């Protein structure tokens, strides 16, 4: 009986430890873009397993993201964003992908402050 109780407690401890390690993480990532189309593209790219929330602010260029670190890494989030043509503070989009963005979304070489998008 004592052995069963100890075994049960050990299993319970292992299960709780595994559950506790499943972390929901909040991060703020700098993502470059300009307009509403950029916002939609960035947020849509993050409709991905493990990401609970992704909201990009056009003015601040900050992406607020909440994700499960057991299912996706922050590095992978940067890579997903870059894969749709947007640079982050850690990963630059491939030039070929960036070149496919609409003109209003080009953030590297164009000043869009006067555009009304």
N, C-alpha and C. Protein backbone atom coordinates (compact mmCIF):
# COMPACT_ATOMS: atom_id res chain seq x y z
N UNK A 1 0.83 -1.20 0.00
CA UNK A 1 0.00 0.00 0.00
C UNK A 1 0.87 1.25 0.00
N UNK A 2 1.91 1.22 0.84
CA UNK A 2 2.81 2.37 0.93
C UNK A 2 3.53 2.59 -0.40
N UNK A 3 3.90 1.51 -1.08
CA UNK A 3 4.57 1.61 -2.37
C UNK A 3 3.64 2.22 -3.42
N UNK A 4 2.36 1.81 -3.41
CA UNK A 4 1.39 2.37 -4.35
C UNK A 4 1.20 3.86 -4.11
N UNK A 5 1.16 4.27 -2.86
CA UNK A 5 0.99 5.68 -2.53
C UNK A 5 2.18 6.49 -3.00
N UNK A 6 3.37 5.98 -2.77
CA UNK A 6 4.59 6.67 -3.21
C UNK A 6 4.63 6.74 -4.73
N UNK A 7 4.28 5.65 -5.40
CA UNK A 7 4.25 5.64 -6.87
C UNK A 7 3.24 6.65 -7.41
N UNK A 8 2.08 6.70 -6.79
CA UNK A 8 1.05 7.65 -7.20
C UNK A 8 1.53 9.08 -7.01
N UNK A 9 2.16 9.36 -5.89
CA UNK A 9 2.69 10.71 -5.63
C UNK A 9 3.78 11.08 -6.62
N UNK A 10 4.64 10.14 -6.97
CA UNK A 10 5.69 10.41 -7.95
C UNK A 10 5.08 10.71 -9.31
N UNK A 11 4.12 9.92 -9.72
CA UNK A 11 3.45 10.16 -11.02
C UNK A 11 2.74 11.50 -11.04
N UNK A 12 2.08 11.82 -9.95
CA UNK A 12 1.39 13.10 -9.85
C UNK A 12 2.37 14.26 -9.92
N UNK A 13 3.50 14.13 -9.23
CA UNK A 13 4.53 15.17 -9.25
C UNK A 13 5.08 15.36 -10.66
N UNK A 14 5.34 14.27 -11.35
CA UNK A 14 5.85 14.34 -12.73
C UNK A 14 4.81 15.01 -13.63
N UNK A 15 3.56 14.64 -13.50
CA UNK A 15 2.50 15.22 -14.33
C UNK A 15 2.37 16.72 -14.07
N UNK A 16 2.39 17.12 -12.81
CA UNK A 16 2.28 18.55 -12.48
C UNK A 16 3.49 19.33 -12.95
N UNK A 17 4.67 18.73 -12.86
CA UNK A 17 5.89 19.40 -13.33
C UNK A 17 5.82 19.60 -14.83
N UNK A 18 5.36 18.60 -15.57
CA UNK A 18 5.23 18.73 -17.02
C UNK A 18 4.23 19.82 -17.38
N UNK A 19 3.11 19.85 -16.67
CA UNK A 19 2.09 20.87 -16.92
C UNK A 19 2.63 22.26 -16.61
N UNK A 20 3.38 22.40 -15.53
CA UNK A 20 3.91 23.71 -15.13
C UNK A 20 4.93 24.23 -16.13
N UNK A 21 5.61 23.33 -16.82
CA UNK A 21 6.62 23.76 -17.78
C UNK A 21 6.01 24.26 -19.08
N UNK A 22 4.75 23.95 -19.33
CA UNK A 22 4.07 24.45 -20.49
C UNK A 22 3.81 25.93 -20.26
N UNK A 23 4.58 26.77 -20.91
CA UNK A 23 4.55 28.20 -20.60
C UNK A 23 3.86 29.02 -21.66
N UNK A 24 3.01 29.88 -21.19
CA UNK A 24 2.44 30.91 -22.06
C UNK A 24 3.31 32.13 -21.87
N UNK A 25 3.86 32.62 -22.97
CA UNK A 25 4.84 33.70 -22.95
C UNK A 25 4.29 34.90 -23.70
N UNK A 26 4.56 36.08 -23.18
CA UNK A 26 4.23 37.32 -23.88
C UNK A 26 5.52 37.94 -24.39
N UNK A 27 5.50 38.41 -25.63
CA UNK A 27 6.69 39.05 -26.20
C UNK A 27 6.27 40.27 -27.00
N UNK A 28 7.19 41.21 -27.09
CA UNK A 28 7.01 42.40 -27.92
C UNK A 28 8.15 42.34 -28.95
N UNK A 29 7.76 42.29 -30.22
CA UNK A 29 8.72 42.14 -31.31
C UNK A 29 8.58 43.31 -32.26
N UNK A 30 9.70 43.91 -32.63
CA UNK A 30 9.70 45.00 -33.61
C UNK A 30 9.55 44.38 -35.00
N UNK A 31 8.49 44.81 -35.72
CA UNK A 31 8.21 44.29 -37.07
C UNK A 31 8.00 45.49 -37.98
N UNK A 32 8.70 45.51 -39.09
CA UNK A 32 8.65 46.66 -39.99
C UNK A 32 7.61 46.48 -41.08
N UNK A 33 6.82 47.54 -41.26
CA UNK A 33 5.75 47.59 -42.24
C UNK A 33 5.14 48.98 -42.17
N UNK A 34 4.10 49.21 -42.95
CA UNK A 34 3.55 50.56 -43.05
C UNK A 34 2.04 50.70 -42.86
N UNK A 35 1.29 49.74 -43.37
CA UNK A 35 -0.14 50.02 -43.56
C UNK A 35 -1.03 48.89 -43.06
N UNK A 36 -2.32 49.04 -43.33
CA UNK A 36 -3.32 48.05 -42.93
C UNK A 36 -3.07 46.70 -43.62
N UNK A 37 -2.62 46.76 -44.86
CA UNK A 37 -2.32 45.50 -45.56
C UNK A 37 -1.16 44.78 -44.87
N UNK A 38 -0.17 45.53 -44.42
CA UNK A 38 0.95 44.94 -43.68
C UNK A 38 0.43 44.29 -42.41
N UNK A 39 -0.41 45.01 -41.68
CA UNK A 39 -0.97 44.50 -40.43
C UNK A 39 -1.67 43.16 -40.67
N UNK A 40 -2.51 43.11 -41.69
CA UNK A 40 -3.24 41.88 -41.98
C UNK A 40 -2.27 40.74 -42.34
N UNK A 41 -1.27 41.05 -43.17
CA UNK A 41 -0.31 40.04 -43.61
C UNK A 41 0.49 39.49 -42.42
N UNK A 42 0.96 40.38 -41.56
CA UNK A 42 1.76 39.99 -40.40
C UNK A 42 0.92 39.13 -39.44
N UNK A 43 -0.26 39.61 -39.11
CA UNK A 43 -1.10 38.89 -38.16
C UNK A 43 -1.59 37.56 -38.73
N UNK A 44 -1.87 37.51 -40.02
CA UNK A 44 -2.31 36.27 -40.66
C UNK A 44 -1.18 35.24 -40.67
N UNK A 45 0.05 35.69 -40.87
CA UNK A 45 1.20 34.78 -40.86
C UNK A 45 1.34 34.09 -39.50
N UNK A 46 0.82 34.72 -38.47
CA UNK A 46 0.95 34.18 -37.12
C UNK A 46 -0.29 33.42 -36.66
N UNK A 47 -1.15 33.08 -37.60
CA UNK A 47 -2.25 32.18 -37.31
C UNK A 47 -1.65 30.78 -37.38
N UNK A 48 -0.99 30.40 -36.30
CA UNK A 48 -0.11 29.24 -36.29
C UNK A 48 -0.25 28.51 -34.96
N UNK A 49 -0.09 27.21 -34.99
CA UNK A 49 -0.23 26.40 -33.77
C UNK A 49 0.70 26.91 -32.66
N UNK A 50 0.11 27.18 -31.51
CA UNK A 50 0.89 27.64 -30.36
C UNK A 50 0.81 29.13 -30.13
N UNK A 51 0.38 29.89 -31.15
CA UNK A 51 0.27 31.34 -31.00
C UNK A 51 -1.16 31.65 -30.58
N UNK A 52 -1.30 32.27 -29.43
CA UNK A 52 -2.62 32.57 -28.87
C UNK A 52 -3.14 33.92 -29.37
N UNK A 53 -2.24 34.90 -29.49
CA UNK A 53 -2.64 36.25 -29.89
C UNK A 53 -1.46 36.92 -30.59
N UNK A 54 -1.75 37.65 -31.65
CA UNK A 54 -0.73 38.44 -32.34
C UNK A 54 -1.39 39.72 -32.82
N UNK A 55 -0.90 40.84 -32.34
CA UNK A 55 -1.46 42.14 -32.73
C UNK A 55 -0.32 43.11 -33.02
N UNK A 56 -0.30 43.62 -34.27
CA UNK A 56 0.75 44.52 -34.70
C UNK A 56 0.23 45.95 -34.73
N UNK A 57 1.02 46.88 -34.20
CA UNK A 57 0.67 48.30 -34.15
C UNK A 57 1.42 49.03 -35.26
N UNK A 58 0.68 49.63 -36.21
CA UNK A 58 1.29 50.31 -37.34
C UNK A 58 2.17 51.48 -36.92
N UNK A 59 1.78 52.22 -35.91
CA UNK A 59 2.53 53.41 -35.50
C UNK A 59 3.83 53.06 -34.79
N UNK A 60 3.75 52.15 -33.85
CA UNK A 60 4.94 51.81 -33.05
C UNK A 60 5.79 50.73 -33.69
N UNK A 61 5.23 49.99 -34.65
CA UNK A 61 5.88 48.85 -35.30
C UNK A 61 6.11 47.69 -34.34
N UNK A 62 5.38 47.71 -33.21
CA UNK A 62 5.52 46.64 -32.22
C UNK A 62 4.44 45.58 -32.43
N UNK A 63 4.87 44.34 -32.38
CA UNK A 63 3.97 43.20 -32.41
C UNK A 63 3.88 42.66 -31.00
N UNK A 64 2.68 42.63 -30.46
CA UNK A 64 2.45 41.99 -29.17
C UNK A 64 1.96 40.59 -29.46
N UNK A 65 2.69 39.61 -28.96
CA UNK A 65 2.35 38.22 -29.24
C UNK A 65 2.34 37.42 -27.95
N UNK A 66 1.34 36.56 -27.84
CA UNK A 66 1.22 35.64 -26.72
C UNK A 66 1.25 34.24 -27.33
N UNK A 67 2.16 33.39 -26.82
CA UNK A 67 2.33 32.08 -27.40
C UNK A 67 2.73 31.04 -26.36
N UNK A 68 2.55 29.79 -26.71
CA UNK A 68 2.94 28.67 -25.87
C UNK A 68 4.34 28.26 -26.29
N UNK A 69 5.30 28.45 -25.40
CA UNK A 69 6.70 28.18 -25.74
C UNK A 69 7.01 26.69 -25.91
N UNK A 70 6.08 25.82 -25.52
CA UNK A 70 6.26 24.39 -25.77
C UNK A 70 5.92 24.04 -27.22
N UNK A 71 5.12 24.89 -27.87
CA UNK A 71 4.66 24.59 -29.23
C UNK A 71 5.38 25.40 -30.30
N UNK A 72 5.90 26.56 -29.93
CA UNK A 72 6.58 27.43 -30.91
C UNK A 72 7.61 28.28 -30.18
N UNK A 73 8.72 28.53 -30.84
CA UNK A 73 9.76 29.38 -30.25
C UNK A 73 9.63 30.81 -30.75
N UNK A 74 10.22 31.73 -30.03
CA UNK A 74 10.20 33.12 -30.48
C UNK A 74 10.96 33.25 -31.81
N UNK A 75 12.03 32.49 -31.97
CA UNK A 75 12.78 32.52 -33.23
C UNK A 75 11.88 32.11 -34.40
N UNK A 76 11.06 31.08 -34.20
CA UNK A 76 10.14 30.63 -35.25
C UNK A 76 9.13 31.72 -35.59
N UNK A 77 8.69 32.48 -34.59
CA UNK A 77 7.76 33.59 -34.84
C UNK A 77 8.43 34.62 -35.75
N UNK A 78 9.68 34.97 -35.46
CA UNK A 78 10.42 35.91 -36.31
C UNK A 78 10.52 35.36 -37.74
N UNK A 79 10.78 34.07 -37.86
CA UNK A 79 10.91 33.45 -39.19
C UNK A 79 9.58 33.46 -39.95
N UNK A 80 8.47 33.23 -39.25
CA UNK A 80 7.16 33.28 -39.91
C UNK A 80 6.88 34.67 -40.46
N UNK A 81 7.22 35.68 -39.70
CA UNK A 81 7.01 37.06 -40.14
C UNK A 81 7.88 37.36 -41.36
N UNK A 82 9.13 36.98 -41.29
CA UNK A 82 10.05 37.22 -42.42
C UNK A 82 9.60 36.45 -43.66
N UNK A 83 8.96 35.31 -43.47
CA UNK A 83 8.54 34.50 -44.62
C UNK A 83 7.45 35.18 -45.46
N UNK A 84 6.78 36.19 -44.90
CA UNK A 84 5.76 36.92 -45.66
C UNK A 84 6.27 38.29 -46.12
N UNK A 85 7.57 38.55 -45.93
CA UNK A 85 8.17 39.76 -46.48
C UNK A 85 8.49 40.87 -45.51
N UNK A 86 8.27 40.67 -44.23
CA UNK A 86 8.50 41.72 -43.24
C UNK A 86 9.72 41.43 -42.38
N UNK A 87 10.55 42.44 -42.19
CA UNK A 87 11.72 42.30 -41.33
C UNK A 87 11.31 42.42 -39.87
N UNK A 88 12.03 41.72 -39.01
CA UNK A 88 11.89 41.90 -37.57
C UNK A 88 13.23 42.39 -37.05
N UNK A 89 13.30 42.62 -35.76
CA UNK A 89 14.57 43.07 -35.20
C UNK A 89 15.62 41.95 -35.20
N UNK A 90 15.22 40.71 -35.49
CA UNK A 90 16.17 39.60 -35.51
C UNK A 90 16.32 38.90 -36.86
N UNK A 91 15.27 38.92 -37.69
CA UNK A 91 15.31 38.20 -38.95
C UNK A 91 14.88 39.12 -40.08
N UNK A 92 15.71 39.18 -41.12
CA UNK A 92 15.40 39.99 -42.30
C UNK A 92 14.72 39.10 -43.34
N UNK A 93 13.64 39.61 -43.93
CA UNK A 93 12.95 38.88 -44.99
C UNK A 93 13.87 38.75 -46.20
N UNK A 94 13.72 37.66 -46.94
CA UNK A 94 14.49 37.49 -48.17
C UNK A 94 14.10 38.59 -49.14
N UNK A 95 15.09 39.12 -49.84
CA UNK A 95 14.86 40.21 -50.78
C UNK A 95 13.81 39.85 -51.83
N UNK A 96 13.81 38.60 -52.29
CA UNK A 96 12.86 38.17 -53.30
C UNK A 96 11.43 38.27 -52.77
N UNK A 97 11.23 37.90 -51.53
CA UNK A 97 9.89 37.96 -50.92
C UNK A 97 9.49 39.41 -50.68
N UNK A 98 10.42 40.20 -50.15
CA UNK A 98 10.16 41.62 -49.90
C UNK A 98 9.73 42.32 -51.19
N UNK A 99 10.37 41.99 -52.29
CA UNK A 99 10.09 42.63 -53.59
C UNK A 99 8.68 42.35 -54.08
N UNK A 100 8.02 41.33 -53.56
CA UNK A 100 6.65 41.01 -54.01
C UNK A 100 5.59 41.82 -53.26
N UNK A 101 6.00 42.57 -52.23
CA UNK A 101 5.02 43.35 -51.45
C UNK A 101 4.49 44.52 -52.29
N UNK A 102 3.24 44.93 -52.06
CA UNK A 102 2.72 46.12 -52.74
C UNK A 102 3.56 47.35 -52.36
N UNK A 103 3.56 48.37 -53.22
CA UNK A 103 4.39 49.55 -52.99
C UNK A 103 4.16 50.17 -51.61
N UNK A 104 2.90 50.25 -51.19
CA UNK A 104 2.61 50.89 -49.90
C UNK A 104 3.19 50.11 -48.72
N UNK A 105 3.56 48.87 -48.94
CA UNK A 105 4.10 48.03 -47.87
C UNK A 105 5.63 48.04 -47.83
N UNK A 106 6.26 48.62 -48.84
CA UNK A 106 7.72 48.63 -48.90
C UNK A 106 8.26 49.60 -47.85
N UNK A 107 8.95 49.08 -46.88
CA UNK A 107 9.39 49.87 -45.73
C UNK A 107 10.89 50.13 -45.72
N UNK A 108 11.66 49.44 -46.52
CA UNK A 108 13.12 49.58 -46.47
C UNK A 108 13.62 50.85 -47.13
N UNK A 109 13.13 51.15 -48.32
CA UNK A 109 13.71 52.24 -49.11
C UNK A 109 12.74 53.36 -49.43
N UNK A 110 11.56 53.30 -48.87
CA UNK A 110 10.55 54.30 -49.22
C UNK A 110 10.02 54.99 -47.98
N UNK A 111 9.82 56.28 -48.10
CA UNK A 111 9.23 57.06 -47.00
C UNK A 111 7.74 57.23 -47.32
N UNK A 112 6.90 56.62 -46.54
CA UNK A 112 5.47 56.65 -46.80
C UNK A 112 4.73 57.59 -45.84
N UNK A 113 5.42 58.49 -45.21
CA UNK A 113 4.78 59.38 -44.23
C UNK A 113 3.67 60.21 -44.85
N UNK A 114 3.77 60.52 -46.12
CA UNK A 114 2.78 61.37 -46.76
C UNK A 114 1.66 60.54 -47.41
N UNK A 115 1.84 59.21 -47.49
CA UNK A 115 0.81 58.36 -48.07
C UNK A 115 -0.39 58.31 -47.14
N UNK A 116 -1.56 58.13 -47.70
CA UNK A 116 -2.80 58.05 -46.93
C UNK A 116 -3.31 56.62 -46.86
N UNK A 117 -2.49 55.66 -46.46
CA UNK A 117 -2.91 54.26 -46.37
C UNK A 117 -3.16 53.90 -44.95
